PDB file of N, CA and C in Angstrom:
ATOM      1  N   MET A   1      34.465   6.286 184.096  1.00  0.00           N
ATOM      2  CA  MET A   1      33.826   4.765 184.616  1.00  0.00           C
ATOM      3  C   MET A   1      32.515   5.314 185.884  1.00  0.00           C
ATOM      4  N   ILE A   2      32.039   5.360 185.916  1.00  0.00           N
ATOM      5  CA  ILE A   2      30.697   5.674 187.142  1.00  0.00           C
ATOM      6  C   ILE A   2      30.933   4.263 188.430  1.00  0.00           C
ATOM      7  N   MET A   3      31.495   5.692 189.193  1.00  0.00           N
ATOM      8  CA  MET A   3      31.917   5.423 190.454  1.00  0.00           C
ATOM      9  C   MET A   3      29.944   5.135 191.481  1.00  0.00           C
ATOM     10  N   GLU A   4      29.281   6.071 191.089  1.00  0.00           N
ATOM     11  CA  GLU A   4      28.227   5.041 192.136  1.00  0.00           C
ATOM     12  C   GLU A   4      27.685   5.822 191.569  1.00  0.00           C
ATOM     13  N   THR A   5      26.330   5.185 191.789  1.00  0.00           N
ATOM     14  CA  THR A   5      24.832   5.149 190.928  1.00  0.00           C
ATOM     15  C   THR A   5      23.597   5.368 191.409  1.00  0.00           C
ATOM     16  N   ASP A   6      22.508   6.060 190.938  1.00  0.00           N
ATOM     17  CA  ASP A   6      21.404   6.697 191.727  1.00  0.00           C
ATOM     18  C   ASP A   6      20.716   6.518 190.562  1.00  0.00           C
ATOM     19  N   THR A   7      19.487   6.479 190.527  1.00  0.00           N
ATOM     20  CA  THR A   7      18.765   5.914 190.012  1.00  0.00           C
ATOM     21  C   THR A   7      16.945   6.902 189.958  1.00  0.00           C
ATOM     22  N   ILE A   8      16.410   7.511 189.365  1.00  0.00           N
ATOM     23  CA  ILE A   8      15.273   8.154 189.372  1.00  0.00           C
ATOM     24  C   ILE A   8      14.520   7.727 188.843  1.00  0.00           C
ATOM     25  N   LEU A   9      13.319   6.951 189.716  1.00  0.00           N
ATOM     26  CA  LEU A   9      12.029   6.652 188.553  1.00  0.00           C
ATOM     27  C   LEU A   9      10.734   6.991 188.356  1.00  0.00           C
ATOM     28  N   LEU A  10      10.957   7.480 186.843  1.00  0.00           N
ATOM     29  CA  LEU A  10      10.197   8.233 186.218  1.00  0.00           C
ATOM     30  C   LEU A  10       8.983   7.244 186.062  1.00  0.00           C
ATOM     31  N   LYS A  11       7.623   8.090 186.043  1.00  0.00           N
ATOM     32  CA  LYS A  11       6.438   7.916 185.477  1.00  0.00           C
ATOM     33  C   LYS A  11       6.210   7.301 183.957  1.00  0.00           C
ATOM     34  N   GLU A  12       6.560   7.880 182.953  1.00  0.00           N
ATOM     35  CA  GLU A  12       6.422   8.464 181.730  1.00  0.00           C
ATOM     36  C   GLU A  12       7.892   8.177 181.379  1.00  0.00           C
ATOM     37  N   LYS A  13       7.664   7.809 180.249  1.00  0.00           N
ATOM     38  CA  LYS A  13       8.754   7.606 179.037  1.00  0.00           C
ATOM     39  C   LYS A  13       9.199   9.302 179.155  1.00  0.00           C
ATOM     40  N   LEU A  14      10.712   9.934 178.693  1.00  0.00           N
ATOM     41  CA  LEU A  14      11.095  11.227 178.483  1.00  0.00           C
ATOM     42  C   LEU A  14      11.094  10.847 177.125  1.00  0.00           C
ATOM     43  N   ASP A  15      10.827  11.652 175.967  1.00  0.00           N
ATOM     44  CA  ASP A  15      10.655  12.619 174.757  1.00  0.00           C
ATOM     45  C   ASP A  15      12.511  12.811 174.556  1.00  0.00           C
ATOM     46  N   PHE A  16      12.749  13.193 173.832  1.00  0.00           N
ATOM     47  CA  PHE A  16      14.086  13.880 173.200  1.00  0.00           C
ATOM     48  C   PHE A  16      14.587  15.107 174.183  1.00  0.00           C
ATOM     49  N   HIS A  17      13.620  15.836 173.811  1.00  0.00           N
ATOM     50  CA  HIS A  17      13.426  17.558 174.170  1.00  0.00           C
ATOM     51  C   HIS A  17      13.302  17.534 175.559  1.00  0.00           C
ATOM     52  N   GLN A  18      12.221  16.616 176.399  1.00  0.00           N
ATOM     53  CA  GLN A  18      11.990  16.331 177.684  1.00  0.00           C
ATOM     54  C   GLN A  18      13.586  15.785 178.644  1.00  0.00           C
ATOM     55  N   TYR A  19      14.574  14.668 178.401  1.00  0.00           N
ATOM     56  CA  TYR A  19      15.235  14.227 178.019  1.00  0.00           C
ATOM     57  C   TYR A  19      16.768  15.327 178.536  1.00  0.00           C
ATOM     58  N   GLN A  20      16.317  16.098 177.206  1.00  0.00           N
ATOM     59  CA  GLN A  20      17.244  17.038 177.172  1.00  0.00           C
ATOM     60  C   GLN A  20      17.360  18.274 178.183  1.00  0.00           C
ATOM     61  N   LEU A  21      16.305  18.646 178.826  1.00  0.00           N
ATOM     62  CA  LEU A  21      15.857  19.802 179.552  1.00  0.00           C
ATOM     63  C   LEU A  21      16.356  19.038 180.650  1.00  0.00           C
ATOM     64  N   ALA A  22      15.971  17.826 181.356  1.00  0.00           N
ATOM     65  CA  ALA A  22      16.114  16.967 182.144  1.00  0.00           C
ATOM     66  C   ALA A  22      17.845  17.202 182.637  1.00  0.00           C
ATOM     67  N   ILE A  23      18.655  16.344 181.693  1.00  0.00           N
ATOM     68  CA  ILE A  23      19.673  16.582 181.667  1.00  0.00           C
ATOM     69  C   ILE A  23      20.298  18.711 181.844  1.00  0.00           C
ATOM     70  N   LYS A  24      20.233  19.150 181.202  1.00  0.00           N
ATOM     71  CA  LYS A  24      19.906  20.381 181.608  1.00  0.00           C
ATOM     72  C   LYS A  24      19.849  21.176 183.239  1.00  0.00           C
ATOM     73  N   ALA A  25      19.087  20.619 183.357  1.00  0.00           N
ATOM     74  CA  ALA A  25      18.356  21.089 184.681  1.00  0.00           C
ATOM     75  C   ALA A  25      19.719  20.901 185.588  1.00  0.00           C
ATOM     76  N   LEU A  26      19.773  19.007 185.006  1.00  0.00           N
ATOM     77  CA  LEU A  26      20.853  18.331 187.017  1.00  0.00           C
ATOM     78  C   LEU A  26      21.994  18.991 186.014  1.00  0.00           C
ATOM     79  N   SER A  27      22.663  19.163 185.844  1.00  0.00           N
ATOM     80  CA  SER A  27      23.912  20.082 185.155  1.00  0.00           C
ATOM     81  C   SER A  27      23.756  21.340 185.362  1.00  0.00           C
ATOM     82  N   ASP A  28      22.754  22.615 185.157  1.00  0.00           N
ATOM     83  CA  ASP A  28      23.068  23.517 186.288  1.00  0.00           C
ATOM     84  C   ASP A  28      22.563  23.661 188.015  1.00  0.00           C
ATOM     85  N   ILE A  29      22.055  22.408 188.699  1.00  0.00           N
ATOM     86  CA  ILE A  29      22.868  22.487 190.084  1.00  0.00           C
ATOM     87  C   ILE A  29      24.373  21.986 190.009  1.00  0.00           C
ATOM     88  N   GLY A  30      25.153  21.685 189.705  1.00  0.00           N
ATOM     89  CA  GLY A  30      25.962  20.678 189.714  1.00  0.00           C
ATOM     90  C   GLY A  30      26.326  19.282 189.566  1.00  0.00           C
ATOM     91  N   ILE A  31      25.193  18.258 188.851  1.00  0.00           N
ATOM     92  CA  ILE A  31      25.160  17.209 188.846  1.00  0.00           C
ATOM     93  C   ILE A  31      25.829  16.309 187.315  1.00  0.00           C
ATOM     94  N   GLU A  32      26.597  15.885 187.332  1.00  0.00           N
ATOM     95  CA  GLU A  32      26.510  15.518 186.064  1.00  0.00           C
ATOM     96  C   GLU A  32      26.099  14.288 185.601  1.00  0.00           C
ATOM     97  N   VAL A  33      25.723  13.589 184.628  1.00  0.00           N
ATOM     98  CA  VAL A  33      25.512  12.933 184.342  1.00  0.00           C
ATOM     99  C   VAL A  33      26.369  12.322 183.164  1.00  0.00           C
ATOM    100  N   GLU A  34      26.419  10.858 183.455  1.00  0.00           N
ATOM    101  CA  GLU A  34      26.984  10.131 182.936  1.00  0.00           C
ATOM    102  C   GLU A  34      26.909   9.686 181.379  1.00  0.00           C
ATOM    103  N   PRO A  35      27.174   9.880 180.307  1.00  0.00           N
ATOM    104  CA  PRO A  35      26.151  10.354 179.053  1.00  0.00           C
ATOM    105  C   PRO A  35      26.386   8.529 178.669  1.00  0.00           C
ATOM    106  N   LEU A  36      24.780   8.804 177.261  1.00  0.00           N
ATOM    107  CA  LEU A  36      24.113   7.473 177.462  1.00  0.00           C
ATOM    108  C   LEU A  36      25.403   6.754 176.556  1.00  0.00           C
ATOM    109  N   TYR A  37      25.213   5.053 177.013  1.00  0.00           N
ATOM    110  CA  TYR A  37      25.903   3.870 176.332  1.00  0.00           C
ATOM    111  C   TYR A  37      25.908   3.649 175.000  1.00  0.00           C
ATOM    112  N   ASP A  38      26.599   4.259 174.031  1.00  0.00           N
ATOM    113  CA  ASP A  38      26.370   4.080 172.685  1.00  0.00           C
ATOM    114  C   ASP A  38      27.913   1.897 172.262  1.00  0.00           C
ATOM    115  N   PRO A  39      26.577   1.655 172.012  1.00  0.00           N
ATOM    116  CA  PRO A  39      27.230   0.141 171.703  1.00  0.00           C
ATOM    117  C   PRO A  39      28.371   0.081 170.791  1.00  0.00           C
ATOM    118  N   TYR A  40      27.875   1.113 170.086  1.00  0.00           N
ATOM    119  CA  TYR A  40      28.810   1.287 168.615  1.00  0.00           C
ATOM    120  C   TYR A  40      30.104   1.660 168.318  1.00  0.00           C
ATOM    121  N   VAL A  41      30.112   2.096 169.524  1.00  0.00           N
ATOM    122  CA  VAL A  41      31.050   3.048 169.378  1.00  0.00           C
ATOM    123  C   VAL A  41      32.752   1.915 170.528  1.00  0.00           C
ATOM    124  N   VAL A  42      33.707   2.662 169.922  1.00  0.00           N
ATOM    125  CA  VAL A  42      34.267   1.413 170.123  1.00  0.00           C
ATOM    126  C   VAL A  42      35.719   1.705 171.199  1.00  0.00           C
ATOM    127  N   GLN A  43      35.591   1.287 172.320  1.00  0.00           N
ATOM    128  CA  GLN A  43      36.473   2.324 173.745  1.00  0.00           C
ATOM    129  C   GLN A  43      38.077   1.470 173.156  1.00  0.00           C
ATOM    130  N   GLU A  44      38.768   2.141 174.272  1.00  0.00           N
ATOM    131  CA  GLU A  44      40.011   1.720 174.066  1.00  0.00           C
ATOM    132  C   GLU A  44      40.318  -0.515 175.026  1.00  0.00           C
ATOM    133  N   GLU A  45      38.907  -0.063 175.474  1.00  0.00           N
ATOM    134  CA  GLU A  45      39.319  -1.926 176.307  1.00  0.00           C
ATOM    135  C   GLU A  45      38.705  -3.005 175.484  1.00  0.00           C
ATOM    136  N   ASP A  46      37.929  -2.046 174.142  1.00  0.00           N
ATOM    137  CA  ASP A  46      37.522  -3.213 173.723  1.00  0.00           C
ATOM    138  C   ASP A  46      38.613  -3.910 172.220  1.00  0.00           C
ATOM    139  N   ARG A  47      39.509  -2.379 172.238  1.00  0.00           N
ATOM    140  CA  ARG A  47      40.516  -2.284 171.060  1.00  0.00           C
ATOM    141  C   ARG A  47      42.435  -3.112 171.090  1.00  0.00           C
ATOM    142  N   ILE A  48      41.909  -3.145 172.768  1.00  0.00           N
ATOM    143  CA  ILE A  48      43.060  -3.961 173.875  1.00  0.00           C
ATOM    144  C   ILE A  48      42.507  -5.396 173.432  1.00  0.00           C
ATOM    145  N   SER A  49      41.099  -5.613 173.827  1.00  0.00           N
ATOM    146  CA  SER A  49      40.736  -6.819 173.050  1.00  0.00           C
ATOM    147  C   SER A  49      40.839  -7.867 171.766  1.00  0.00           C
ATOM    148  N   ILE A  50      40.617  -6.760 171.114  1.00  0.00           N
ATOM    149  CA  ILE A  50      40.386  -7.294 169.722  1.00  0.00           C
ATOM    150  C   ILE A  50      41.501  -7.234 169.560  1.00  0.00           C
ATOM    151  N   ALA A  51      42.291  -7.170 169.831  1.00  0.00           N
ATOM    152  CA  ALA A  51      44.412  -7.168 169.480  1.00  0.00           C
ATOM    153  C   ALA A  51      44.450  -8.586 170.222  1.00  0.00           C
ATOM    154  N   LYS A  52      44.717  -9.199 171.318  1.00  0.00           N
ATOM    155  CA  LYS A  52      45.028  -9.940 171.687  1.00  0.00           C
ATOM    156  C   LYS A  52      44.075 -11.309 171.438  1.00  0.00           C
ATOM    157  N   SER A  53      42.443 -10.976 171.016  1.00  0.00           N
ATOM    158  CA  SER A  53      41.925 -11.859 170.151  1.00  0.00           C
ATOM    159  C   SER A  53      42.428 -12.271 168.671  1.00  0.00           C
ATOM    160  N   ARG A  54      43.099 -11.462 168.364  1.00  0.00           N
ATOM    161  CA  ARG A  54      43.882 -12.010 166.991  1.00  0.00           C
ATOM    162  C   ARG A  54      45.058 -12.062 166.784  1.00  0.00           C
ATOM    163  N   GLU A  55      45.361 -11.824 168.251  1.00  0.00           N
ATOM    164  CA  GLU A  55      46.982 -12.396 168.601  1.00  0.00           C
ATOM    165  C   GLU A  55      47.069 -13.888 168.771  1.00  0.00           C
ATOM    166  N   ASP A  56      46.137 -14.120 169.673  1.00  0.00           N
ATOM    167  CA  ASP A  56      45.905 -16.010 170.144  1.00  0.00           C
ATOM    168  C   ASP A  56      45.618 -16.429 169.264  1.00  0.00           C
ATOM    169  N   PHE A  57      44.874 -15.742 168.072  1.00  0.00           N
ATOM    170  CA  PHE A  57      43.659 -16.865 166.975  1.00  0.00           C
ATOM    171  C   PHE A  57      45.393 -17.205 165.869  1.00  0.00           C
ATOM    172  N   LYS A  58      45.976 -16.018 165.802  1.00  0.00           N
ATOM    173  CA  LYS A  58      47.385 -15.679 164.548  1.00  0.00           C
ATOM    174  C   LYS A  58      48.625 -17.280 165.060  1.00  0.00           C
ATOM    175  N   ASN A  59      48.429 -17.130 166.562  1.00  0.00           N
ATOM    176  CA  ASN A  59      48.822 -18.409 167.792  1.00  0.00           C
ATOM    177  C   ASN A  59      47.981 -19.856 167.840  1.00  0.00           C
ATOM    178  N   GLY A  60      47.158 -19.867 166.897  1.00  0.00           N
ATOM    179  CA  GLY A  60      46.073 -21.021 167.595  1.00  0.00           C
ATOM    180  C   GLY A  60      45.618 -21.318 169.355  1.00  0.00           C
ATOM    181  N   ARG A  61      46.199 -20.377 169.554  1.00  0.00           N
ATOM    182  CA  ARG A  61      45.366 -19.942 170.460  1.00  0.00           C
ATOM    183  C   ARG A  61      43.777 -19.849 170.533  1.00  0.00           C
ATOM    184  N   TYR A  62      42.632 -21.048 170.184  1.00  0.00           N
ATOM    185  CA  TYR A  62      41.428 -21.169 170.176  1.00  0.00           C
ATOM    186  C   TYR A  62      41.304 -22.794 169.925  1.00  0.00           C
ATOM    187  N   LYS A  63      40.009 -22.226 169.787  1.00  0.00           N
ATOM    188  CA  LYS A  63      38.882 -23.664 170.447  1.00  0.00           C
ATOM    189  C   LYS A  63      38.132 -23.304 169.257  1.00  0.00           C
ATOM    190  N   ASP A  64      37.749 -24.811 168.201  1.00  0.00           N
ATOM    191  CA  ASP A  64      36.584 -24.561 167.383  1.00  0.00           C
ATOM    192  C   ASP A  64      35.036 -25.231 168.285  1.00  0.00           C
ATOM    193  N   ASN A  65      33.688 -24.630 167.424  1.00  0.00           N
ATOM    194  CA  ASN A  65      32.675 -24.376 168.120  1.00  0.00           C
ATOM    195  C   ASN A  65      32.344 -25.612 169.097  1.00  0.00           C
ATOM    196  N   GLU A  66      32.896 -26.877 168.336  1.00  0.00           N
ATOM    197  CA  GLU A  66      32.510 -28.426 168.949  1.00  0.00           C
ATOM    198  C   GLU A  66      33.364 -28.334 170.124  1.00  0.00           C
ATOM    199  N   GLN A  67      34.764 -28.082 169.941  1.00  0.00           N
ATOM    200  CA  GLN A  67      35.374 -28.118 171.512  1.00  0.00           C
ATOM    201  C   GLN A  67      34.789 -27.304 172.837  1.00  0.00           C
ATOM    202  N   VAL A  68      33.665 -25.857 172.345  1.00  0.00           N
ATOM    203  CA  VAL A  68      33.427 -25.308 173.421  1.00  0.00           C
ATOM    204  C   VAL A  68      32.320 -25.914 173.313  1.00  0.00           C
ATOM    205  N   LEU A  69      31.454 -26.165 173.197  1.00  0.00           N
ATOM    206  CA  LEU A  69      30.011 -26.926 173.401  1.00  0.00           C
ATOM    207  C   LEU A  69      30.239 -28.365 174.179  1.00  0.00           C
ATOM    208  N   LYS A  70      31.538 -29.430 173.870  1.00  0.00           N
ATOM    209  CA  LYS A  70      31.671 -30.507 174.296  1.00  0.00           C
ATOM    210  C   LYS A  70      32.037 -29.917 175.710  1.00  0.00           C
ATOM    211  N   GLU A  71      32.937 -28.369 175.998  1.00  0.00           N
ATOM    212  CA  GLU A  71      33.364 -27.941 177.908  1.00  0.00           C
ATOM    213  C   GLU A  71      32.173 -27.805 177.908  1.00  0.00           C
ATOM    214  N   VAL A  72      31.489 -26.977 177.795  1.00  0.00           N
ATOM    215  CA  VAL A  72      30.241 -26.658 178.186  1.00  0.00           C
ATOM    216  C   VAL A  72      28.948 -27.767 178.430  1.00  0.00           C
ATOM    217  N   LYS A  73      28.767 -28.536 178.197  1.00  0.00           N
ATOM    218  CA  LYS A  73      27.838 -29.805 178.073  1.00  0.00           C
ATOM    219  C   LYS A  73      28.531 -30.285 179.446  1.00  0.00           C
ATOM    220  N   GLN A  74      29.595 -30.383 179.405  1.00  0.00           N
ATOM    221  CA  GLN A  74      30.538 -31.850 179.948  1.00  0.00           C
ATOM    222  C   GLN A  74      30.845 -30.800 182.360  1.00  0.00           C
ATOM    223  N   LYS A  75      30.538 -29.449 182.079  1.00  0.00           N
ATOM    224  CA  LYS A  75      30.564 -28.527 183.174  1.00  0.00           C
ATOM    225  C   LYS A  75      29.130 -28.178 183.590  1.00  0.00           C
ATOM    226  N   TYR A  76      27.947 -27.993 182.514  1.00  0.00           N
ATOM    227  CA  TYR A  76      26.681 -28.691 183.489  1.00  0.00           C
ATOM    228  C   TYR A  76      26.128 -29.508 183.805  1.00  0.00           C
ATOM    229  N   GLU A  77      26.894 -30.610 183.163  1.00  0.00           N
ATOM    230  CA  GLU A  77      26.633 -32.169 183.439  1.00  0.00           C
ATOM    231  C   GLU A  77      26.647 -32.390 184.787  1.00  0.00           C
ATOM    232  N   SER A  78      27.831 -31.709 184.599  1.00  0.00           N
ATOM    233  CA  SER A  78      28.402 -32.210 186.336  1.00  0.00           C
ATOM    234  C   SER A  78      27.086 -31.426 187.422  1.00  0.00           C
ATOM    235  N   ILE A  79      27.250 -30.186 187.147  1.00  0.00           N
ATOM    236  CA  ILE A  79      26.298 -29.532 187.797  1.00  0.00           C
ATOM    237  C   ILE A  79      24.897 -29.631 188.063  1.00  0.00           C
ATOM    238  N   LEU A  80      24.625 -30.000 187.278  1.00  0.00           N
ATOM    239  CA  LEU A  80      23.348 -30.280 187.518  1.00  0.00           C
ATOM    240  C   LEU A  80      22.620 -31.832 186.954  1.00  0.00           C
ATOM    241  N   GLY A  81      23.752 -32.697 186.962  1.00  0.00           N
ATOM    242  CA  GLY A  81      23.901 -34.265 187.452  1.00  0.00           C
ATOM    243  C   GLY A  81      22.853 -34.902 186.597  1.00  0.00           C
TER     244      GLY A  81
END
């Protein structure tokens, strides 16, 4: 979990080698860098959410597409007028 975020704006895109050198330089002075987010890695919270969704579906706690669209239209029609 990232507790605090600082951003460094670069003038140019780094290639992989430059990126690795920058990460090493930051590490050498004691600055930890959060690894890049990999959307294909399933985290524990994802596993829990998937299990809950499967359980909800198994127990009939779901809405079909038409019901969801109807509810969205009702919500936004009342907001937009």
